[in-house]
Amino acid sequence: MSTPHEHETPAVAHDIPGTAGPAPGAPADPAGTGEWRRLDPRTLLVHCGWLAAPLGSLALTALATGGRITARAWITLAAVAASFAVVTTIGLIRWARTEFRIARRPDGAGAPGQGRAALTLEVRSGLLTRRLRSVPLRRIRTVDLTASPLHRLLGVTVLRAGTAGSGDGRSELSLEALAVGEAERLRAELLAYADAAAAGNDPVLARIRWRWLRYAPLTFWVVGGVFVTAGSVYRVLDGIGIEPWKLGFVQEAFREFGASALWLTVPVALLAVLALGSAGAVALYVENWWDYCLEWTDARTLRVRRGLFTTRSVTIERARLRGVLLREPLLLRAGCGALVRAVAGGLGNREENRKRSGLLPPAPLPEALRVAGGALRAPFPGSGAPVALAAHPRVALRRRRVRGLLWAVLPGTAVLAGLGAAFTPVLLHCAWIYAVVATALVLWLARDAYRNLGHGIQGPYLVTRSGTFSRDTLALQREAVAAWTFSTSPFARRAGLVTLTAAVAAGEDGYRVPDLSAAEAPAFAAAAAPGILEEFLRHPGAPEPPGRLPEQRLP
């Protein structure tokens, strides 16, 4: 009995105007015979990787109890065995019923009666309901090879092919898992129709330089990573029945800490946290960016390779690269460093986009500007002479000061003062000290945030800059803006400010230009992306259509 086939993406692609086949140097028929191919049998072992957590928990339990296995542990072991049998059976069925191939399908791009063949990637799977997903090779925008430590141990990798419009991940094809050599060959087949012309004399934009390691501690993870790791360890121990606070050496450490001079132990504890955080940040930097290389593999394809234990290779088609984001977190900016991210379509949902969009790790600012310009194939704003961005109204500075005082200074001062009045006068002194220090810090951060505000138009790019804890400079293709959103609050309306959000089918889907003058925002939006707002605006002197509400006038 036949089963229904589900086509999730169009099976027909139109040839690029002026071309009748693959680019020069590309294979004439990358699919070869077009026969159905299976995933690597080692896929079954990858599916069993989840056993490590429960078996590890049982081992730790046995170790903590001196080798005595309780009835609860035996029940857990039986549940693991049953789950193993079920997961193995499901994995075997999935492997046996999943096939893929590159095939030729009719292409209606030619004249009537003269249809041509288009290459498509087809993946069929399913037991009772067979699903056939077919994507033309010309629609594939990115090919990502990802290998976790288990994948690398088994010599396999996961291939994900992103298409135009696959920002939510539903149009993405994933093959898990393939042998590394076969995955590399398949990626070459999928990208065979890319232009193979050289992308300049030196297509390599950047390689890892280990002196950049000094920028690794200048991130959030230098402190936050320690507490995240401690919380994870606590949850694991608590899950296997071990209460960390009742362990003898933990109680002894807290007693010693409380009995010692706090003016000495507190700074030592902070230094220990910073040392552990710095070591963890460096280790994470090495793991993420080992063997990093950013290069143009051809005139239309940008590729990023990186990773030590989990390797990642992401390719981005130039047509889908909508812009570049230069990010300068506060500590990294103090060290004259920055990192670079791509604003591109086809990189998956927001979580996957954050993993795949990285073009440069934390590195010196001049290097970041150079790489950003190389990705754009044009000078990045600020890489030469300082870019002239329009300043925002002075009232934006006042708003930042007021919000900082209301949400940071006032609550902390009130809590300390209330506790001091109720319990001890020492906290009253802590209250006024906190108020003085926090007020000075808030005013400085508000001033910095206001100075970082800016927007402008530079050739084909819309340029925006904002933020203080992370100053972000965005160069976005003006033609990529699909819509504008004007948002404001009652306080912002009273101050005459509005926040513009450019909707883009790439990256984070929307990019904000905060606190513009409400009188100037429509004119800037209309100039940055012509053709979107014109029907909603009325120029001075133009008659107002009958029955229509008054609209924003362009200055």
Protein backbone atom coordinates (compact mmCIF):
# COMPACT_ATOMS: atom_id res chain seq x y z
CA MET A 1 0.00 0.00 0.00
CA SER A 2 1.40 3.32 -0.95
CA THR A 3 1.68 6.10 1.58
CA PRO A 4 1.27 9.83 1.07
CA HIS A 5 4.30 11.96 0.31
CA GLU A 6 4.65 15.35 1.96
CA HIS A 7 6.42 18.03 -0.06
CA GLU A 8 7.52 20.74 2.36
CA THR A 9 9.43 22.91 -0.10
CA PRO A 10 8.98 23.50 -3.83
CA ALA A 11 10.59 20.86 -6.02
CA VAL A 12 11.17 23.21 -8.92
CA ALA A 13 13.77 25.95 -9.10
CA HIS A 14 14.24 28.56 -11.79
CA ASP A 15 17.63 29.08 -13.37
CA ILE A 16 19.45 32.31 -12.71
CA PRO A 17 18.94 34.61 -15.71
CA GLY A 18 21.73 34.35 -18.15
CA THR A 19 22.91 30.92 -16.97
CA ALA A 20 22.05 27.53 -18.33
CA GLY A 21 24.00 25.30 -15.96
CA PRO A 22 26.52 25.25 -13.19
CA ALA A 23 29.14 27.92 -12.72
CA PRO A 24 32.52 27.48 -14.41
CA GLY A 25 34.53 24.81 -12.68
CA ALA A 26 31.50 23.21 -11.02
CA PRO A 27 30.67 19.57 -11.68
CA ALA A 28 28.29 19.01 -14.57
CA ASP A 29 26.30 16.45 -12.61
CA PRO A 30 27.21 16.52 -8.93
CA ALA A 31 24.58 13.91 -8.17
CA GLY A 32 26.17 11.22 -10.32
CA THR A 33 23.59 8.47 -10.76
CA GLY A 34 21.05 10.11 -8.44
CA GLU A 35 20.61 6.87 -6.46
CA TRP A 36 19.17 6.91 -2.97
CA ARG A 37 21.81 6.95 -0.21
CA ARG A 38 21.52 6.04 3.47
CA LEU A 39 22.88 7.64 6.59
CA ASP A 40 25.96 6.17 8.21
CA PRO A 41 25.18 3.11 10.40
CA ARG A 42 27.09 4.77 13.25
CA THR A 43 24.01 6.99 13.60
CA LEU A 44 22.63 4.30 15.93
CA LEU A 45 25.57 4.79 18.32
CA VAL A 46 25.04 8.57 18.29
CA HIS A 47 21.42 8.07 19.38
CA CYS A 48 22.66 6.10 22.40
CA GLY A 49 24.77 9.02 23.63
CA TRP A 50 22.00 10.05 26.04
CA LEU A 51 22.90 7.01 28.17
CA ALA A 52 25.95 8.82 29.53
CA ALA A 53 23.93 11.03 31.91
CA PRO A 54 21.83 8.33 33.68
CA LEU A 55 24.69 5.84 33.83
CA GLY A 56 27.00 8.54 35.17
CA SER A 57 24.42 9.42 37.83
CA LEU A 58 24.20 5.77 38.89
CA ALA A 59 27.99 5.56 39.10
CA LEU A 60 28.17 8.69 41.24
CA THR A 61 25.41 7.37 43.49
CA ALA A 62 27.26 4.09 43.96
CA LEU A 63 30.46 6.00 44.68
CA ALA A 64 28.81 8.31 47.20
CA THR A 65 27.08 5.42 49.04
CA GLY A 66 30.14 3.20 49.17
CA GLY A 67 28.95 0.79 46.48
CA ARG A 68 25.51 0.13 48.00
CA ILE A 69 22.84 0.18 45.28
CA THR A 70 19.42 1.05 46.66
CA ALA A 71 16.10 -0.20 45.36
CA ARG A 72 15.52 3.21 43.82
CA ALA A 73 18.77 2.88 41.88
CA TRP A 74 17.78 -0.59 40.61
CA ILE A 75 14.45 0.80 39.42
CA THR A 76 16.32 3.60 37.65
CA LEU A 77 18.64 1.06 36.03
CA ALA A 78 15.67 -0.99 34.81
CA ALA A 79 14.04 2.15 33.38
CA VAL A 80 17.31 3.00 31.61
CA ALA A 81 17.49 -0.51 30.12
CA ALA A 82 13.91 -0.30 28.87
CA SER A 83 14.49 3.16 27.45
CA PHE A 84 17.64 1.92 25.76
CA ALA A 85 15.70 -0.83 24.01
CA VAL A 86 12.99 1.60 22.86
CA VAL A 87 15.41 4.30 21.67
CA THR A 88 17.58 1.75 19.87
CA THR A 89 14.55 0.33 18.06
CA ILE A 90 13.34 3.80 17.07
CA GLY A 91 16.83 4.73 15.91
CA LEU A 92 17.12 1.56 13.84
CA ILE A 93 13.77 2.23 12.16
CA ARG A 94 14.67 5.86 11.51
CA TRP A 95 18.01 4.87 10.00
CA ALA A 96 16.44 2.16 7.82
CA ARG A 97 13.68 4.46 6.57
CA THR A 98 15.74 7.63 5.93
CA GLU A 99 17.33 8.10 2.52
CA PHE A 100 18.60 11.04 0.53
CA ARG A 101 19.79 11.80 -2.97
CA ILE A 102 20.48 14.60 -5.43
CA ALA A 103 18.16 14.18 -8.40
CA ARG A 104 17.13 16.04 -11.50
CA ARG A 105 13.61 17.42 -11.84
CA PRO A 106 12.03 19.40 -14.69
CA ASP A 107 12.56 23.14 -14.48
CA GLY A 108 9.97 25.41 -16.02
CA ALA A 109 12.32 28.38 -16.36
CA GLY A 110 12.83 27.87 -20.07
CA ALA A 111 10.51 28.61 -22.95
CA PRO A 112 7.30 26.59 -23.29
CA GLY A 113 8.13 23.09 -24.36
CA GLN A 114 11.81 23.60 -23.63
CA GLY A 115 11.96 22.84 -19.91
CA ARG A 116 15.38 22.20 -18.40
CA ALA A 117 16.45 20.00 -15.52
CA ALA A 118 17.08 21.43 -12.05
CA LEU A 119 19.09 19.62 -9.38
CA THR A 120 17.29 19.05 -6.09
CA LEU A 121 18.20 17.55 -2.73
CA GLU A 122 15.57 15.00 -1.70
CA VAL A 123 15.18 13.41 1.73
CA ARG A 124 12.52 10.81 2.41
CA SER A 125 11.73 9.35 5.81
CA GLY A 126 8.93 7.93 7.93
CA LEU A 127 7.49 4.51 8.67
CA LEU A 128 3.71 4.70 8.31
CA THR A 129 3.49 8.13 6.72
CA ARG A 130 6.31 8.64 4.23
CA ARG A 131 7.60 12.21 3.95
CA LEU A 132 9.49 13.47 0.94
CA ARG A 133 11.26 16.82 1.35
CA SER A 134 12.68 18.26 -1.84
CA VAL A 135 14.75 21.45 -2.10
CA PRO A 136 16.29 22.83 -5.30
CA LEU A 137 20.04 23.27 -5.00
CA ARG A 138 19.71 26.87 -6.14
CA ARG A 139 17.63 27.65 -3.02
CA ILE A 140 20.22 26.28 -0.59
CA ARG A 141 21.92 29.22 1.10
CA THR A 142 24.04 27.68 3.86
CA VAL A 143 25.55 24.27 4.57
CA ASP A 144 26.57 23.64 8.19
CA LEU A 145 28.69 20.68 9.33
CA THR A 146 28.52 20.17 13.11
CA ALA A 147 30.27 17.43 15.08
CA SER A 148 29.94 17.03 18.85
CA PRO A 149 32.65 15.15 20.78
CA LEU A 150 30.64 11.93 20.37
CA HIS A 151 30.30 12.54 16.62
CA ARG A 152 34.04 13.14 16.34
CA LEU A 153 34.80 10.01 18.35
CA LEU A 154 32.70 7.98 15.91
CA GLY A 155 34.01 9.79 12.83
CA VAL A 156 30.65 11.23 11.74
CA THR A 157 29.11 14.69 11.46
CA VAL A 158 25.70 16.34 11.09
CA LEU A 159 24.91 18.19 7.86
CA ARG A 160 22.30 20.94 7.86
CA ALA A 161 21.30 22.70 4.66
CA GLY A 162 19.54 26.04 5.12
CA THR A 163 17.36 27.49 2.38
CA ALA A 164 15.88 30.85 1.58
CA GLY A 165 13.18 31.47 4.14
CA SER A 166 14.42 28.85 6.61
CA GLY A 167 14.84 31.36 9.44
CA ASP A 168 12.40 29.42 11.64
CA GLY A 169 14.22 26.14 11.01
CA ARG A 170 11.19 24.43 9.40
CA SER A 171 12.63 24.61 5.88
CA GLU A 172 16.01 23.31 6.98
CA LEU A 173 17.14 19.85 5.89
CA SER A 174 19.19 17.89 8.42
CA LEU A 175 21.09 14.64 7.89
CA GLU A 176 22.37 12.93 11.03
CA ALA A 177 24.80 11.43 10.79
CA LEU A 178 27.17 11.12 7.81
CA ALA A 179 30.77 10.01 7.59
CA VAL A 180 33.03 13.05 7.58
CA GLY A 181 34.38 12.38 4.08
CA GLU A 182 30.92 11.82 2.63
CA ALA A 183 29.59 14.95 4.35
CA GLU A 184 32.38 17.04 2.80
CA ARG A 185 31.63 15.59 -0.65
CA LEU A 186 27.91 16.18 -0.22
CA ARG A 187 28.51 19.79 0.79
CA ALA A 188 30.59 20.28 -2.35
CA GLU A 189 27.73 18.77 -4.37
CA LEU A 190 25.15 21.06 -2.77
CA LEU A 191 27.28 24.13 -3.44
CA ALA A 192 28.37 22.98 -6.91
CA TYR A 193 26.31 25.67 -8.64
CA ALA A 194 28.03 28.51 -6.81
CA ASP A 195 30.25 30.77 -8.79
CA ALA A 196 33.75 29.27 -8.55
CA ALA A 197 35.56 32.48 -9.53
CA ALA A 198 38.24 33.61 -7.11
CA ALA A 199 37.13 36.09 -4.48
CA GLY A 200 40.19 38.27 -4.77
CA ASN A 201 43.86 37.51 -4.52
CA ASP A 202 43.51 36.27 -0.94
CA PRO A 203 40.06 34.88 -0.14
CA VAL A 204 41.03 34.23 3.51
CA LEU A 205 39.72 37.08 5.66
CA ALA A 206 41.00 35.91 9.04
CA ARG A 207 42.64 33.04 10.90
CA ILE A 208 42.96 32.41 14.61
CA ARG A 209 45.76 34.22 16.39
CA TRP A 210 46.36 32.93 19.87
CA ARG A 211 47.43 36.31 21.19
CA TRP A 212 43.72 37.14 20.99
CA LEU A 213 43.28 34.92 24.06
CA ARG A 214 43.84 38.00 26.20
CA TYR A 215 40.36 39.15 25.14
CA ALA A 216 38.66 35.95 26.35
CA PRO A 217 38.29 37.06 30.01
CA LEU A 218 36.74 40.38 28.93
CA THR A 219 33.28 38.82 28.61
CA PHE A 220 30.31 38.02 30.81
CA TRP A 221 31.53 34.45 31.35
CA VAL A 222 34.47 35.57 33.44
CA VAL A 223 32.04 35.96 36.37
CA GLY A 224 28.68 34.61 35.24
CA GLY A 225 30.18 31.37 33.96
CA VAL A 226 31.39 30.46 37.47
CA PHE A 227 27.90 30.77 38.94
CA VAL A 228 26.28 29.01 35.98
CA THR A 229 28.71 26.10 36.38
CA ALA A 230 28.18 25.99 40.15
CA GLY A 231 24.41 25.94 39.66
CA SER A 232 24.67 23.11 37.13
CA VAL A 233 26.84 21.04 39.47
CA TYR A 234 24.40 21.64 42.31
CA ARG A 235 21.43 20.46 40.21
CA VAL A 236 23.28 17.32 39.13
CA LEU A 237 24.27 16.42 42.71
CA ASP A 238 20.78 17.19 43.99
CA GLY A 239 19.28 15.02 41.25
CA ILE A 240 21.26 11.96 42.38
CA GLY A 241 20.39 12.50 46.04
CA ILE A 242 23.51 14.31 47.27
CA GLU A 243 22.94 17.54 49.24
CA PRO A 244 26.09 19.65 48.77
CA TRP A 245 25.41 21.82 51.82
CA LYS A 246 25.57 18.75 54.11
CA LEU A 247 28.98 17.59 52.89
CA GLY A 248 31.61 17.88 55.60
CA PHE A 249 34.25 19.77 53.66
CA VAL A 250 31.64 22.29 52.43
CA GLN A 251 30.45 23.03 55.98
CA GLU A 252 34.02 23.30 57.19
CA ALA A 253 34.87 25.78 54.42
CA PHE A 254 31.93 28.01 55.37
CA ARG A 255 32.90 27.92 59.05
CA GLU A 256 36.45 28.92 58.22
CA PHE A 257 35.21 31.69 55.93
CA GLY A 258 32.95 33.16 58.60
CA ALA A 259 35.57 32.92 61.36
CA SER A 260 38.26 34.71 59.35
CA ALA A 261 38.62 38.45 58.78
CA LEU A 262 36.08 39.40 56.11
CA TRP A 263 38.23 42.27 54.84
CA LEU A 264 40.71 39.58 53.78
CA THR A 265 38.54 36.58 52.88
CA VAL A 266 36.05 38.50 50.70
CA PRO A 267 38.72 39.93 48.35
CA VAL A 268 40.38 36.50 48.21
CA ALA A 269 37.05 34.89 47.31
CA LEU A 270 36.46 37.49 44.58
CA LEU A 271 39.94 36.90 43.19
CA ALA A 272 39.28 33.14 43.21
CA VAL A 273 36.03 33.66 41.28
CA LEU A 274 37.81 35.90 38.74
CA ALA A 275 40.63 33.37 38.36
CA LEU A 276 38.23 30.46 37.82
CA GLY A 277 36.10 32.55 35.46
CA SER A 278 39.13 33.65 33.45
CA ALA A 279 40.37 30.06 33.14
CA GLY A 280 36.91 28.93 32.05
CA ALA A 281 36.56 31.78 29.55
CA VAL A 282 39.94 30.95 28.00
CA ALA A 283 39.03 27.25 27.79
CA LEU A 284 35.68 28.11 26.19
CA TYR A 285 37.41 30.46 23.74
CA VAL A 286 39.84 27.72 22.70
CA GLU A 287 37.08 25.13 22.32
CA ASN A 288 34.85 27.41 20.24
CA TRP A 289 37.48 29.00 17.99
CA TRP A 290 40.13 26.32 17.56
CA ASP A 291 41.33 26.13 13.93
CA TYR A 292 39.18 29.19 13.11
CA CYS A 293 39.24 30.37 9.51
CA LEU A 294 36.98 32.88 7.74
CA GLU A 295 37.26 32.79 3.95
CA TRP A 296 35.49 33.37 0.69
CA THR A 297 35.42 29.92 -0.89
CA ASP A 298 34.21 31.55 -4.12
CA ALA A 299 32.78 34.86 -5.22
CA ARG A 300 29.39 34.12 -3.65
CA THR A 301 30.09 31.93 -0.64
CA LEU A 302 31.51 32.95 2.75
CA ARG A 303 32.60 30.11 5.04
CA VAL A 304 33.49 29.98 8.75
CA ARG A 305 35.32 26.94 10.17
CA ARG A 306 35.98 26.56 13.90
CA GLY A 307 35.80 24.25 16.91
CA LEU A 308 37.97 21.84 18.90
CA PHE A 309 35.67 19.18 20.38
CA THR A 310 32.52 20.34 18.59
CA THR A 311 33.55 21.39 15.11
CA ARG A 312 31.40 23.72 13.05
CA SER A 313 31.62 24.77 9.42
CA VAL A 314 29.04 27.33 8.28
CA THR A 315 28.68 28.63 4.74
CA ILE A 316 26.70 31.79 3.92
CA GLU A 317 25.71 32.81 0.43
CA ARG A 318 26.59 36.40 -0.34
CA ALA A 319 23.07 37.10 -1.59
CA ARG A 320 21.75 36.21 1.87
CA LEU A 321 24.30 38.32 3.77
CA ARG A 322 22.24 41.39 4.66
CA GLY A 323 24.69 43.15 6.90
CA VAL A 324 27.29 42.93 9.62
CA LEU A 325 27.04 43.65 13.35
CA LEU A 326 30.09 44.93 15.26
CA ARG A 327 29.57 44.15 18.95
CA GLU A 328 31.63 45.74 21.74
CA PRO A 329 30.66 44.52 25.25
CA LEU A 330 31.62 46.91 28.01
CA LEU A 331 34.70 45.04 29.28
CA LEU A 332 35.82 44.14 25.77
CA ARG A 333 35.42 47.76 24.69
CA ALA A 334 37.58 48.84 27.63
CA GLY A 335 40.27 46.50 26.28
CA CYS A 336 39.90 47.95 22.73
CA GLY A 337 38.37 44.74 21.41
CA ALA A 338 35.25 43.70 19.52
CA LEU A 339 33.58 40.74 17.85
CA VAL A 340 31.74 40.47 14.54
CA ARG A 341 28.46 38.75 13.65
CA ALA A 342 26.75 38.25 10.32
CA VAL A 343 23.21 39.40 9.62
CA ALA A 344 22.13 36.70 7.19
CA GLY A 345 19.09 34.66 6.27
CA GLY A 346 18.88 30.90 6.33
CA LEU A 347 20.80 30.43 9.60
CA GLY A 348 17.89 28.90 11.51
CA ASN A 349 15.89 30.20 14.45
CA ARG A 350 17.24 32.74 16.91
CA GLU A 351 19.16 30.22 18.99
CA GLU A 352 20.76 28.62 15.94
CA ASN A 353 21.42 32.04 14.45
CA ARG A 354 23.44 33.05 17.53
CA LYS A 355 25.55 29.91 17.16
CA ARG A 356 26.13 30.23 13.42
CA SER A 357 26.38 33.96 12.83
CA GLY A 358 29.77 34.49 14.48
CA LEU A 359 32.35 35.74 11.98
CA LEU A 360 35.13 36.74 14.38
CA PRO A 361 35.86 35.91 18.03
CA PRO A 362 36.76 38.67 20.51
CA ALA A 363 39.75 40.33 18.83
CA PRO A 364 41.41 43.75 18.50
CA LEU A 365 39.09 46.46 17.23
CA PRO A 366 41.15 47.21 14.05
CA GLU A 367 41.00 43.51 13.15
CA ALA A 368 37.25 43.45 13.76
CA LEU A 369 36.73 46.49 11.52
CA ARG A 370 38.86 44.87 8.79
CA VAL A 371 36.94 41.58 8.93
CA ALA A 372 33.58 43.38 8.94
CA GLY A 373 34.61 45.30 5.84
CA GLY A 374 35.85 42.12 4.17
CA ALA A 375 32.52 40.40 4.79
CA LEU A 376 30.62 43.37 3.35
CA ARG A 377 33.06 43.78 0.45
CA ALA A 378 32.99 47.45 1.37
CA PRO A 379 34.57 49.61 4.11
CA PHE A 380 32.76 49.14 7.39
CA PRO A 381 31.57 52.43 8.94
CA GLY A 382 34.34 53.72 11.18
CA SER A 383 37.13 51.60 9.69
CA GLY A 384 38.67 54.67 8.04
CA ALA A 385 37.63 58.14 9.10
CA PRO A 386 35.13 58.20 11.97
CA VAL A 387 31.63 57.76 10.60
CA ALA A 388 29.37 60.78 11.03
CA LEU A 389 26.19 59.54 12.70
CA ALA A 390 23.29 61.82 13.50
CA ALA A 391 23.00 62.60 17.21
CA HIS A 392 19.79 61.87 19.11
CA PRO A 393 17.79 64.47 21.05
CA ARG A 394 19.21 65.57 24.39
CA VAL A 395 16.06 64.38 26.14
CA ALA A 396 17.23 60.80 25.50
CA LEU A 397 20.04 61.41 28.00
CA ARG A 398 17.55 62.60 30.61
CA ARG A 399 15.41 59.50 30.11
CA ARG A 400 18.42 57.23 30.73
CA ARG A 401 19.35 59.10 33.88
CA VAL A 402 15.82 58.96 35.28
CA ARG A 403 15.41 55.24 34.51
CA GLY A 404 18.73 54.42 36.13
CA LEU A 405 17.89 56.36 39.28
CA LEU A 406 14.40 54.85 39.54
CA TRP A 407 15.29 51.22 38.82
CA ALA A 408 18.82 50.91 40.26
CA VAL A 409 19.50 53.58 42.91
CA LEU A 410 16.14 54.06 44.59
CA PRO A 411 15.15 50.40 45.29
CA GLY A 412 18.54 49.42 46.73
CA THR A 413 18.74 52.51 48.91
CA ALA A 414 15.20 52.03 50.21
CA VAL A 415 15.79 48.36 51.08
CA LEU A 416 19.03 49.08 52.94
CA ALA A 417 17.52 52.04 54.77
CA GLY A 418 14.47 50.03 55.82
CA LEU A 419 16.60 47.16 57.11
CA GLY A 420 18.85 49.62 58.91
CA ALA A 421 15.91 51.28 60.64
CA ALA A 422 14.55 47.89 61.69
CA PHE A 423 17.71 46.07 62.75
CA THR A 424 21.04 47.89 62.86
CA PRO A 425 22.34 51.44 62.16
CA VAL A 426 25.23 49.92 60.20
CA LEU A 427 22.89 49.32 57.29
CA LEU A 428 21.91 53.01 57.34
CA HIS A 429 25.52 53.90 56.55
CA CYS A 430 25.50 51.19 53.84
CA ALA A 431 22.36 52.85 52.40
CA TRP A 432 23.89 56.30 51.90
CA ILE A 433 27.19 54.82 50.65
CA TYR A 434 25.27 52.71 48.14
CA ALA A 435 23.21 55.73 47.05
CA VAL A 436 26.32 57.84 46.39
CA VAL A 437 28.24 55.13 44.55
CA ALA A 438 25.23 53.88 42.55
CA THR A 439 24.21 57.42 41.54
CA ALA A 440 27.67 58.20 40.21
CA LEU A 441 27.76 54.89 38.31
CA VAL A 442 24.27 55.38 36.85
CA LEU A 443 25.05 58.90 35.66
CA TRP A 444 28.25 57.69 34.01
CA LEU A 445 26.52 54.76 32.28
CA ALA A 446 23.66 57.01 31.14
CA ARG A 447 26.14 59.46 29.65
CA ASP A 448 27.96 56.63 27.88
CA ALA A 449 24.71 55.16 26.55
CA TYR A 450 23.65 58.54 25.17
CA ARG A 451 27.01 59.18 23.50
CA ASN A 452 26.75 55.77 21.81
CA LEU A 453 23.41 56.60 20.18
CA GLY A 454 23.60 57.38 16.48
CA HIS A 455 22.06 56.63 13.11
CA GLY A 456 22.74 57.47 9.50
CA ILE A 457 22.85 56.35 5.88
CA GLN A 458 26.12 55.41 4.23
CA GLY A 459 25.71 54.42 0.59
CA PRO A 460 23.64 51.24 0.38
CA TYR A 461 23.74 50.71 4.14
CA LEU A 462 21.63 51.84 7.06
CA VAL A 463 23.99 52.42 10.00
CA THR A 464 22.82 52.41 13.61
CA ARG A 465 24.68 52.35 16.92
CA SER A 466 23.40 52.00 20.48
CA GLY A 467 24.03 50.34 23.84
CA THR A 468 26.41 50.71 26.75
CA PHE A 469 26.81 47.24 28.30
CA SER A 470 27.17 46.09 24.70
CA ARG A 471 27.71 48.83 22.12
CA ASP A 472 26.43 47.49 18.80
CA THR A 473 27.18 49.08 15.44
CA LEU A 474 25.05 47.70 12.63
CA ALA A 475 25.58 48.12 8.90
CA LEU A 476 22.39 46.83 7.27
CA GLN A 477 21.54 46.77 3.58
CA ARG A 478 18.80 49.32 3.01
CA GLU A 479 17.11 47.10 0.44
CA ALA A 480 16.80 44.35 3.06
CA VAL A 481 14.38 46.39 5.21
CA ALA A 482 10.92 44.91 4.68
CA ALA A 483 8.91 47.05 7.11
CA TRP A 484 9.18 49.72 9.79
CA THR A 485 7.66 49.67 13.27
CA PHE A 486 7.20 52.92 15.22
CA SER A 487 6.88 52.23 18.95
CA THR A 488 6.64 54.57 21.89
CA SER A 489 5.53 54.73 25.52
CA PRO A 490 3.52 57.44 27.30
CA PHE A 491 6.71 58.95 28.76
CA ALA A 492 8.51 58.75 25.40
CA ARG A 493 5.57 60.42 23.64
CA ARG A 494 5.64 63.24 26.15
CA ALA A 495 9.38 63.63 25.49
CA GLY A 496 8.82 63.61 21.71
CA LEU A 497 10.76 60.37 21.12
CA VAL A 498 10.03 57.24 19.13
CA THR A 499 11.87 53.94 18.59
CA LEU A 500 12.20 52.65 15.03
CA THR A 501 12.48 48.91 14.37
CA ALA A 502 13.58 47.71 10.95
CA ALA A 503 12.02 44.33 10.12
CA VAL A 504 14.49 42.16 8.20
CA ALA A 505 14.18 38.55 7.05
CA ALA A 506 17.61 37.78 8.49
CA GLY A 507 19.51 37.71 11.76
CA GLU A 508 17.37 38.73 14.74
CA ASP A 509 14.42 39.60 12.43
CA GLY A 510 14.32 43.17 13.71
CA TYR A 511 16.86 45.88 14.60
CA ARG A 512 16.05 48.91 16.75
CA VAL A 513 16.99 52.56 16.40
CA PRO A 514 16.00 53.81 19.87
CA ASP A 515 14.91 57.29 20.94
CA LEU A 516 14.72 59.23 17.68
CA SER A 517 12.96 62.55 17.46
CA ALA A 518 9.33 61.83 16.62
CA ALA A 519 9.38 64.68 14.09
CA GLU A 520 12.44 63.34 12.24
CA ALA A 521 11.85 59.58 12.45
CA PRO A 522 9.41 59.30 9.47
CA ALA A 523 11.73 61.24 7.17
CA PHE A 524 14.72 59.10 8.15
CA ALA A 525 12.78 55.86 7.68
CA ALA A 526 11.51 56.98 4.27
CA ALA A 527 15.01 57.96 3.16
CA ALA A 528 16.63 54.77 4.47
CA ALA A 529 14.14 52.40 2.82
CA PRO A 530 12.22 54.18 0.05
CA GLY A 531 8.88 52.79 -1.02
CA ILE A 532 7.58 51.65 2.38
CA LEU A 533 6.19 54.78 4.06
CA GLU A 534 5.40 57.08 1.15
CA GLU A 535 1.71 56.21 0.96
CA PHE A 536 1.32 56.99 4.67
CA LEU A 537 3.07 60.37 4.59
CA ARG A 538 1.92 63.76 3.32
CA HIS A 539 4.41 66.40 2.24
CA PRO A 540 3.95 70.10 3.14
CA GLY A 541 1.56 71.83 0.79
CA ALA A 542 -0.08 68.64 -0.44
CA PRO A 543 -3.88 68.54 0.00
CA GLU A 544 -5.11 66.11 2.61
CA PRO A 545 -7.32 63.35 1.17
CA PRO A 546 -10.97 63.62 2.28
CA GLY A 547 -12.03 61.32 5.06
CA ARG A 548 -8.47 60.53 6.02
CA LEU A 549 -6.94 61.10 9.43
CA PRO A 550 -4.12 63.64 9.70
CA GLU A 551 -0.79 61.98 9.05
CA GLN A 552 2.82 62.65 9.90
CA ARG A 553 4.27 65.44 7.80
CA LEU A 554 7.77 65.16 6.44
CA PRO A 555 9.91 68.13 7.49
